[in-house]
Amino acid sequence: MADYSSVLDMVRGWGLIDGLVIREESEVTAIAIVKAAMDNGLLLVPAGPKVLRFVPPLIVTAEEIDQALQATREALASVIG
């Protein structure tokens, strides 16, 4: 996600529940990325206007995490351009 450092600020979380924080000065919103991710088959949850929440099941596999990251990259690319 380093490609999007101008838009993304940090990752925070607890266990498998993680939040991807969008920079306050960015015009990009969490809901825009959530909608784009849904188009890629990934269900994310907005946690306020500037945080994407990832809540995978406890039985998630490494392959599924890789797929989710790829879908997130594609969603970011479609929203940011």
PDB file of N, CA and C in Angstrom:
ATOM      1  N   MET A   1       0.809  -1.201   0.000  1.00  0.00           N
ATOM      2  CA  MET A   1       0.000   0.000   0.000  1.00  0.00           C
ATOM      3  C   MET A   1       0.852   1.265   0.000  1.00  0.00           C
ATOM      4  N   ALA A   2       2.146   1.102  -0.049  1.00  0.00           N
ATOM      5  CA  ALA A   2       3.044   2.254  -0.065  1.00  0.00           C
ATOM      6  C   ALA A   2       2.784   3.139  -1.282  1.00  0.00           C
ATOM      7  N   ASP A   3       2.221   2.569  -2.342  1.00  0.00           N
ATOM      8  CA  ASP A   3       1.908   3.346  -3.544  1.00  0.00           C
ATOM      9  C   ASP A   3       0.901   4.449  -3.249  1.00  0.00           C
ATOM     10  N   TYR A   4       0.156   4.313  -2.173  1.00  0.00           N
ATOM     11  CA  TYR A   4      -0.915   5.249  -1.840  1.00  0.00           C
ATOM     12  C   TYR A   4      -0.612   6.038  -0.572  1.00  0.00           C
ATOM     13  N   SER A   5       0.664   6.259  -0.287  1.00  0.00           N
ATOM     14  CA  SER A   5       1.052   6.954   0.941  1.00  0.00           C
ATOM     15  C   SER A   5       0.570   8.402   0.973  1.00  0.00           C
ATOM     16  N   SER A   6       0.263   8.970  -0.171  1.00  0.00           N
ATOM     17  CA  SER A   6      -0.254  10.340  -0.182  1.00  0.00           C
ATOM     18  C   SER A   6      -1.707  10.390   0.282  1.00  0.00           C
ATOM     19  N   VAL A   7      -2.394   9.246   0.271  1.00  0.00           N
ATOM     20  CA  VAL A   7      -3.798   9.180   0.676  1.00  0.00           C
ATOM     21  C   VAL A   7      -3.961   8.419   1.992  1.00  0.00           C
ATOM     22  N   LEU A   8      -3.163   7.369   2.190  1.00  0.00           N
ATOM     23  CA  LEU A   8      -3.289   6.534   3.386  1.00  0.00           C
ATOM     24  C   LEU A   8      -2.314   6.983   4.454  1.00  0.00           C
ATOM     25  N   ASP A   9      -2.777   6.983   5.693  1.00  0.00           N
ATOM     26  CA  ASP A   9      -1.964   7.473   6.795  1.00  0.00           C
ATOM     27  C   ASP A   9      -1.310   6.339   7.579  1.00  0.00           C
ATOM     28  N   MET A  10      -2.107   5.425   8.137  1.00  0.00           N
ATOM     29  CA  MET A  10      -1.559   4.354   8.966  1.00  0.00           C
ATOM     30  C   MET A  10      -2.554   3.212   9.076  1.00  0.00           C
ATOM     31  N   VAL A  11      -2.063   2.126   9.627  1.00  0.00           N
ATOM     32  CA  VAL A  11      -2.907   0.979   9.945  1.00  0.00           C
ATOM     33  C   VAL A  11      -2.950   0.873  11.459  1.00  0.00           C
ATOM     34  N   ARG A  12      -4.130   0.695  11.979  1.00  0.00           N
ATOM     35  CA  ARG A  12      -4.259   0.482  13.420  1.00  0.00           C
ATOM     36  C   ARG A  12      -5.225  -0.667  13.639  1.00  0.00           C
ATOM     37  N   GLY A  13      -5.129  -1.299  14.758  1.00  0.00           N
ATOM     38  CA  GLY A  13      -6.049  -2.383  15.003  1.00  0.00           C
ATOM     39  C   GLY A  13      -5.734  -3.190  16.232  1.00  0.00           C
ATOM     40  N   TRP A  14      -6.475  -4.281  16.339  1.00  0.00           N
ATOM     41  CA  TRP A  14      -6.388  -5.158  17.487  1.00  0.00           C
ATOM     42  C   TRP A  14      -6.709  -6.565  17.008  1.00  0.00           C
ATOM     43  N   GLY A  15      -5.746  -7.454  17.072  1.00  0.00           N
ATOM     44  CA  GLY A  15      -5.964  -8.809  16.568  1.00  0.00           C
ATOM     45  C   GLY A  15      -6.175  -8.789  15.066  1.00  0.00           C
ATOM     46  N   LEU A  16      -7.220  -9.483  14.611  1.00  0.00           N
ATOM     47  CA  LEU A  16      -7.525  -9.503  13.179  1.00  0.00           C
ATOM     48  C   LEU A  16      -8.332  -8.293  12.721  1.00  0.00           C
ATOM     49  N   ILE A  17      -8.818  -7.500  13.654  1.00  0.00           N
ATOM     50  CA  ILE A  17      -9.602  -6.324  13.285  1.00  0.00           C
ATOM     51  C   ILE A  17      -8.637  -5.161  13.072  1.00  0.00           C
ATOM     52  N   ASP A  18      -8.560  -4.704  11.832  1.00  0.00           N
ATOM     53  CA  ASP A  18      -7.636  -3.634  11.483  1.00  0.00           C
ATOM     54  C   ASP A  18      -8.368  -2.494  10.793  1.00  0.00           C
ATOM     55  N   GLY A  19      -7.851  -1.304  10.990  1.00  0.00           N
ATOM     56  CA  GLY A  19      -8.381  -0.126  10.330  1.00  0.00           C
ATOM     57  C   GLY A  19      -7.307   0.533   9.491  1.00  0.00           C
ATOM     58  N   LEU A  20      -7.640   0.862   8.271  1.00  0.00           N
ATOM     59  CA  LEU A  20      -6.741   1.575   7.369  1.00  0.00           C
ATOM     60  C   LEU A  20      -7.191   3.033   7.374  1.00  0.00           C
ATOM     61  N   VAL A  21      -6.344   3.906   7.901  1.00  0.00           N
ATOM     62  CA  VAL A  21      -6.705   5.311   8.104  1.00  0.00           C
ATOM     63  C   VAL A  21      -6.339   6.132   6.873  1.00  0.00           C
ATOM     64  N   ILE A  22      -7.307   6.899   6.398  1.00  0.00           N
ATOM     65  CA  ILE A  22      -7.126   7.795   5.256  1.00  0.00           C
ATOM     66  C   ILE A  22      -6.718   9.162   5.803  1.00  0.00           C
ATOM     67  N   ARG A  23      -5.761   9.789   5.177  1.00  0.00           N
ATOM     68  CA  ARG A  23      -5.287  11.103   5.634  1.00  0.00           C
ATOM     69  C   ARG A  23      -6.451  12.110   5.663  1.00  0.00           C
ATOM     70  N   GLU A  24      -6.487  12.896   6.716  1.00  0.00           N
ATOM     71  CA  GLU A  24      -7.556  13.891   6.878  1.00  0.00           C
ATOM     72  C   GLU A  24      -7.603  14.881   5.720  1.00  0.00           C
ATOM     73  N   GLU A  25      -6.438  15.253   5.220  1.00  0.00           N
ATOM     74  CA  GLU A  25      -6.405  16.266   4.154  1.00  0.00           C
ATOM     75  C   GLU A  25      -6.822  15.704   2.792  1.00  0.00           C
ATOM     76  N   SER A  26      -6.952  14.401   2.691  1.00  0.00           N
ATOM     77  CA  SER A  26      -7.353  13.774   1.432  1.00  0.00           C
ATOM     78  C   SER A  26      -8.854  13.945   1.209  1.00  0.00           C
ATOM     79  N   GLU A  27      -9.220  14.108  -0.043  1.00  0.00           N
ATOM     80  CA  GLU A  27     -10.642  14.214  -0.390  1.00  0.00           C
ATOM     81  C   GLU A  27     -11.303  12.842  -0.491  1.00  0.00           C
ATOM     82  N   VAL A  28     -10.504  11.783  -0.471  1.00  0.00           N
ATOM     83  CA  VAL A  28     -11.027  10.415  -0.564  1.00  0.00           C
ATOM     84  C   VAL A  28     -11.736  10.062   0.738  1.00  0.00           C
ATOM     85  N   THR A  29     -12.888   9.396   0.620  1.00  0.00           N
ATOM     86  CA  THR A  29     -13.632   8.968   1.804  1.00  0.00           C
ATOM     87  C   THR A  29     -13.636   7.447   1.903  1.00  0.00           C
ATOM     88  N   ALA A  30     -13.861   6.973   3.102  1.00  0.00           N
ATOM     89  CA  ALA A  30     -13.911   5.529   3.331  1.00  0.00           C
ATOM     90  C   ALA A  30     -15.045   4.893   2.535  1.00  0.00           C
ATOM     91  N   ILE A  31     -16.181   5.543   2.484  1.00  0.00           N
ATOM     92  CA  ILE A  31     -17.338   4.954   1.795  1.00  0.00           C
ATOM     93  C   ILE A  31     -17.072   4.797   0.298  1.00  0.00           C
ATOM     94  N   ALA A  32     -16.322   5.710  -0.304  1.00  0.00           N
ATOM     95  CA  ALA A  32     -15.996   5.582  -1.729  1.00  0.00           C
ATOM     96  C   ALA A  32     -15.141   4.335  -1.967  1.00  0.00           C
ATOM     97  N   ILE A  33     -14.192   4.096  -1.073  1.00  0.00           N
ATOM     98  CA  ILE A  33     -13.338   2.914  -1.213  1.00  0.00           C
ATOM     99  C   ILE A  33     -14.130   1.646  -0.915  1.00  0.00           C
ATOM    100  N   VAL A  34     -15.025   1.703   0.074  1.00  0.00           N
ATOM    101  CA  VAL A  34     -15.867   0.538   0.397  1.00  0.00           C
ATOM    102  C   VAL A  34     -16.713   0.151  -0.811  1.00  0.00           C
ATOM    103  N   LYS A  35     -17.308   1.124  -1.470  1.00  0.00           N
ATOM    104  CA  LYS A  35     -18.132   0.840  -2.653  1.00  0.00           C
ATOM    105  C   LYS A  35     -17.295   0.224  -3.773  1.00  0.00           C
ATOM    106  N   ALA A  36     -16.104   0.771  -3.996  1.00  0.00           N
ATOM    107  CA  ALA A  36     -15.229   0.225  -5.036  1.00  0.00           C
ATOM    108  C   ALA A  36     -14.770  -1.182  -4.669  1.00  0.00           C
ATOM    109  N   ALA A  37     -14.499  -1.433  -3.409  1.00  0.00           N
ATOM    110  CA  ALA A  37     -14.087  -2.771  -2.965  1.00  0.00           C
ATOM    111  C   ALA A  37     -15.216  -3.777  -3.163  1.00  0.00           C
ATOM    112  N   MET A  38     -16.440  -3.357  -2.908  1.00  0.00           N
ATOM    113  CA  MET A  38     -17.584  -4.252  -3.125  1.00  0.00           C
ATOM    114  C   MET A  38     -17.692  -4.647  -4.587  1.00  0.00           C
ATOM    115  N   ASP A  39     -17.352  -3.729  -5.481  1.00  0.00           N
ATOM    116  CA  ASP A  39     -17.349  -4.041  -6.909  1.00  0.00           C
ATOM    117  C   ASP A  39     -16.304  -5.105  -7.242  1.00  0.00           C
ATOM    118  N   ASN A  40     -15.266  -5.199  -6.399  1.00  0.00           N
ATOM    119  CA  ASN A  40     -14.206  -6.202  -6.572  1.00  0.00           C
ATOM    120  C   ASN A  40     -14.453  -7.454  -5.729  1.00  0.00           C
ATOM    121  N   GLY A  41     -15.626  -7.553  -5.117  1.00  0.00           N
ATOM    122  CA  GLY A  41     -15.968  -8.745  -4.343  1.00  0.00           C
ATOM    123  C   GLY A  41     -15.451  -8.757  -2.919  1.00  0.00           C
ATOM    124  N   LEU A  42     -15.030  -7.601  -2.412  1.00  0.00           N
ATOM    125  CA  LEU A  42     -14.496  -7.519  -1.055  1.00  0.00           C
ATOM    126  C   LEU A  42     -15.433  -6.688  -0.193  1.00  0.00           C
ATOM    127  N   LEU A  43     -15.813  -7.238   0.937  1.00  0.00           N
ATOM    128  CA  LEU A  43     -16.678  -6.526   1.866  1.00  0.00           C
ATOM    129  C   LEU A  43     -15.819  -5.867   2.938  1.00  0.00           C
ATOM    130  N   LEU A  44     -15.817  -4.547   2.952  1.00  0.00           N
ATOM    131  CA  LEU A  44     -15.153  -3.744   3.977  1.00  0.00           C
ATOM    132  C   LEU A  44     -16.231  -2.964   4.713  1.00  0.00           C
ATOM    133  N   VAL A  45     -15.865  -2.411   5.858  1.00  0.00           N
ATOM    134  CA  VAL A  45     -16.800  -1.634   6.653  1.00  0.00           C
ATOM    135  C   VAL A  45     -16.187  -0.259   6.904  1.00  0.00           C
ATOM    136  N   PRO A  46     -16.922   0.824   6.607  1.00  0.00           N
ATOM    137  CA  PRO A  46     -16.376   2.126   6.978  1.00  0.00           C
ATOM    138  C   PRO A  46     -16.492   2.301   8.490  1.00  0.00           C
ATOM    139  N   ALA A  47     -15.476   2.863   9.097  1.00  0.00           N
ATOM    140  CA  ALA A  47     -15.492   3.172  10.531  1.00  0.00           C
ATOM    141  C   ALA A  47     -15.304   4.676  10.647  1.00  0.00           C
ATOM    142  N   GLY A  48     -16.316   5.406  10.281  1.00  0.00           N
ATOM    143  CA  GLY A  48     -16.219   6.852  10.189  1.00  0.00           C
ATOM    144  C   GLY A  48     -15.852   7.249   8.774  1.00  0.00           C
ATOM    145  N   PRO A  49     -15.734   8.516   8.509  1.00  0.00           N
ATOM    146  CA  PRO A  49     -15.490   8.981   7.134  1.00  0.00           C
ATOM    147  C   PRO A  49     -14.083   8.713   6.609  1.00  0.00           C
ATOM    148  N   LYS A  50     -13.123   8.421   7.485  1.00  0.00           N
ATOM    149  CA  LYS A  50     -11.731   8.303   7.051  1.00  0.00           C
ATOM    150  C   LYS A  50     -11.043   7.014   7.494  1.00  0.00           C
ATOM    151  N   VAL A  51     -11.811   5.974   7.835  1.00  0.00           N
ATOM    152  CA  VAL A  51     -11.202   4.702   8.251  1.00  0.00           C
ATOM    153  C   VAL A  51     -11.931   3.538   7.582  1.00  0.00           C
ATOM    154  N   LEU A  52     -11.138   2.642   6.968  1.00  0.00           N
ATOM    155  CA  LEU A  52     -11.664   1.393   6.415  1.00  0.00           C
ATOM    156  C   LEU A  52     -11.417   0.301   7.444  1.00  0.00           C
ATOM    157  N   ARG A  53     -12.414  -0.470   7.757  1.00  0.00           N
ATOM    158  CA  ARG A  53     -12.260  -1.530   8.745  1.00  0.00           C
ATOM    159  C   ARG A  53     -12.255  -2.886   8.043  1.00  0.00           C
ATOM    160  N   PHE A  54     -11.241  -3.685   8.368  1.00  0.00           N
ATOM    161  CA  PHE A  54     -11.130  -5.052   7.885  1.00  0.00           C
ATOM    162  C   PHE A  54     -11.477  -5.971   9.055  1.00  0.00           C
ATOM    163  N   VAL A  55     -12.460  -6.847   8.869  1.00  0.00           N
ATOM    164  CA  VAL A  55     -12.872  -7.764   9.929  1.00  0.00           C
ATOM    165  C   VAL A  55     -12.982  -9.169   9.334  1.00  0.00           C
ATOM    166  N   PRO A  56     -11.847  -9.836   9.128  1.00  0.00           N
ATOM    167  CA  PRO A  56     -11.887 -11.177   8.535  1.00  0.00           C
ATOM    168  C   PRO A  56     -12.332 -12.221   9.562  1.00  0.00           C
ATOM    169  N   PRO A  57     -12.825 -13.352   9.095  1.00  0.00           N
ATOM    170  CA  PRO A  57     -13.174 -14.430  10.025  1.00  0.00           C
ATOM    171  C   PRO A  57     -11.901 -15.029  10.635  1.00  0.00           C
ATOM    172  N   LEU A  58     -12.056 -15.667  11.769  1.00  0.00           N
ATOM    173  CA  LEU A  58     -10.904 -16.274  12.438  1.00  0.00           C
ATOM    174  C   LEU A  58     -10.248 -17.372  11.615  1.00  0.00           C
ATOM    175  N   ILE A  59     -10.966 -17.924  10.651  1.00  0.00           N
ATOM    176  CA  ILE A  59     -10.424 -19.021   9.846  1.00  0.00           C
ATOM    177  C   ILE A  59      -9.874 -18.541   8.506  1.00  0.00           C
ATOM    178  N   VAL A  60      -9.594 -17.247   8.386  1.00  0.00           N
ATOM    179  CA  VAL A  60      -9.076 -16.688   7.134  1.00  0.00           C
ATOM    180  C   VAL A  60      -7.717 -17.321   6.811  1.00  0.00           C
ATOM    181  N   THR A  61      -7.490 -17.550   5.526  1.00  0.00           N
ATOM    182  CA  THR A  61      -6.217 -18.132   5.092  1.00  0.00           C
ATOM    183  C   THR A  61      -5.304 -17.040   4.536  1.00  0.00           C
ATOM    184  N   ALA A  62      -4.031 -17.361   4.426  1.00  0.00           N
ATOM    185  CA  ALA A  62      -3.065 -16.419   3.853  1.00  0.00           C
ATOM    186  C   ALA A  62      -3.445 -16.073   2.418  1.00  0.00           C
ATOM    187  N   GLU A  63      -3.930 -17.046   1.672  1.00  0.00           N
ATOM    188  CA  GLU A  63      -4.353 -16.801   0.288  1.00  0.00           C
ATOM    189  C   GLU A  63      -5.526 -15.818   0.243  1.00  0.00           C
ATOM    190  N   GLU A  64      -6.476 -15.962   1.156  1.00  0.00           N
ATOM    191  CA  GLU A  64      -7.617 -15.045   1.192  1.00  0.00           C
ATOM    192  C   GLU A  64      -7.178 -13.634   1.575  1.00  0.00           C
ATOM    193  N   ILE A  65      -6.203 -13.526   2.455  1.00  0.00           N
ATOM    194  CA  ILE A  65      -5.672 -12.206   2.817  1.00  0.00           C
ATOM    195  C   ILE A  65      -5.011 -11.568   1.604  1.00  0.00           C
ATOM    196  N   ASP A  66      -4.239 -12.351   0.850  1.00  0.00           N
ATOM    197  CA  ASP A  66      -3.613 -11.834  -0.376  1.00  0.00           C
ATOM    198  C   ASP A  66      -4.668 -11.354  -1.365  1.00  0.00           C
ATOM    199  N   GLN A  67      -5.751 -12.109  -1.506  1.00  0.00           N
ATOM    200  CA  GLN A  67      -6.839 -11.724  -2.409  1.00  0.00           C
ATOM    201  C   GLN A  67      -7.500 -10.424  -1.940  1.00  0.00           C
ATOM    202  N   ALA A  68      -7.690 -10.299  -0.630  1.00  0.00           N
ATOM    203  CA  ALA A  68      -8.301  -9.088  -0.076  1.00  0.00           C
ATOM    204  C   ALA A  68      -7.401  -7.876  -0.302  1.00  0.00           C
ATOM    205  N   LEU A  69      -6.104  -8.049  -0.136  1.00  0.00           N
ATOM    206  CA  LEU A  69      -5.174  -6.943  -0.380  1.00  0.00           C
ATOM    207  C   LEU A  69      -5.187  -6.523  -1.841  1.00  0.00           C
ATOM    208  N   GLN A  70      -5.247  -7.485  -2.730  1.00  0.00           N
ATOM    209  CA  GLN A  70      -5.301  -7.158  -4.160  1.00  0.00           C
ATOM    210  C   GLN A  70      -6.598  -6.418  -4.484  1.00  0.00           C
ATOM    211  N   ALA A  71      -7.718  -6.875  -3.935  1.00  0.00           N
ATOM    212  CA  ALA A  71      -8.998  -6.191  -4.169  1.00  0.00           C
ATOM    213  C   ALA A  71      -8.967  -4.782  -3.584  1.00  0.00           C
ATOM    214  N   THR A  72      -8.295  -4.603  -2.463  1.00  0.00           N
ATOM    215  CA  THR A  72      -8.166  -3.275  -1.854  1.00  0.00           C
ATOM    216  C   THR A  72      -7.318  -2.368  -2.735  1.00  0.00           C
ATOM    217  N   ARG A  73      -6.222  -2.890  -3.262  1.00  0.00           N
ATOM    218  CA  ARG A  73      -5.386  -2.103  -4.184  1.00  0.00           C
ATOM    219  C   ARG A  73      -6.193  -1.660  -5.406  1.00  0.00           C
ATOM    220  N   GLU A  74      -6.971  -2.576  -5.953  1.00  0.00           N
ATOM    221  CA  GLU A  74      -7.788  -2.248  -7.124  1.00  0.00           C
ATOM    222  C   GLU A  74      -8.832  -1.194  -6.784  1.00  0.00           C
ATOM    223  N   ALA A  75      -9.428  -1.296  -5.604  1.00  0.00           N
ATOM    224  CA  ALA A  75     -10.414  -0.314  -5.179  1.00  0.00           C
ATOM    225  C   ALA A  75      -9.772   1.059  -5.010  1.00  0.00           C
ATOM    226  N   LEU A  76      -8.606   1.101  -4.389  1.00  0.00           N
ATOM    227  CA  LEU A  76      -7.886   2.365  -4.233  1.00  0.00           C
ATOM    228  C   LEU A  76      -7.538   2.968  -5.588  1.00  0.00           C
ATOM    229  N   ALA A  77      -7.071   2.141  -6.492  1.00  0.00           N
ATOM    230  CA  ALA A  77      -6.715   2.615  -7.827  1.00  0.00           C
ATOM    231  C   ALA A  77      -7.925   3.208  -8.542  1.00  0.00           C
ATOM    232  N   SER A  78      -9.084   2.580  -8.395  1.00  0.00           N
ATOM    233  CA  SER A  78     -10.270   3.081  -9.096  1.00  0.00           C
ATOM    234  C   SER A  78     -10.784   4.376  -8.477  1.00  0.00           C
ATOM    235  N   VAL A  79     -10.615   4.541  -7.172  1.00  0.00           N
ATOM    236  CA  VAL A  79     -11.096   5.763  -6.512  1.00  0.00           C
ATOM    237  C   VAL A  79     -10.105   6.906  -6.682  1.00  0.00           C
ATOM    238  N   ILE A  80      -8.824   6.602  -6.538  1.00  0.00           N
ATOM    239  CA  ILE A  80      -7.797   7.646  -6.579  1.00  0.00           C
ATOM    240  C   ILE A  80      -7.411   7.997  -8.011  1.00  0.00           C
ATOM    241  N   GLY A  81      -7.392   6.962  -8.835  1.00  0.00           N
ATOM    242  CA  GLY A  81      -7.057   7.197 -10.237  1.00  0.00           C
ATOM    243  C   GLY A  81      -5.654   6.846 -10.607  1.00  0.00           C
TER     244      GLY A  81
END
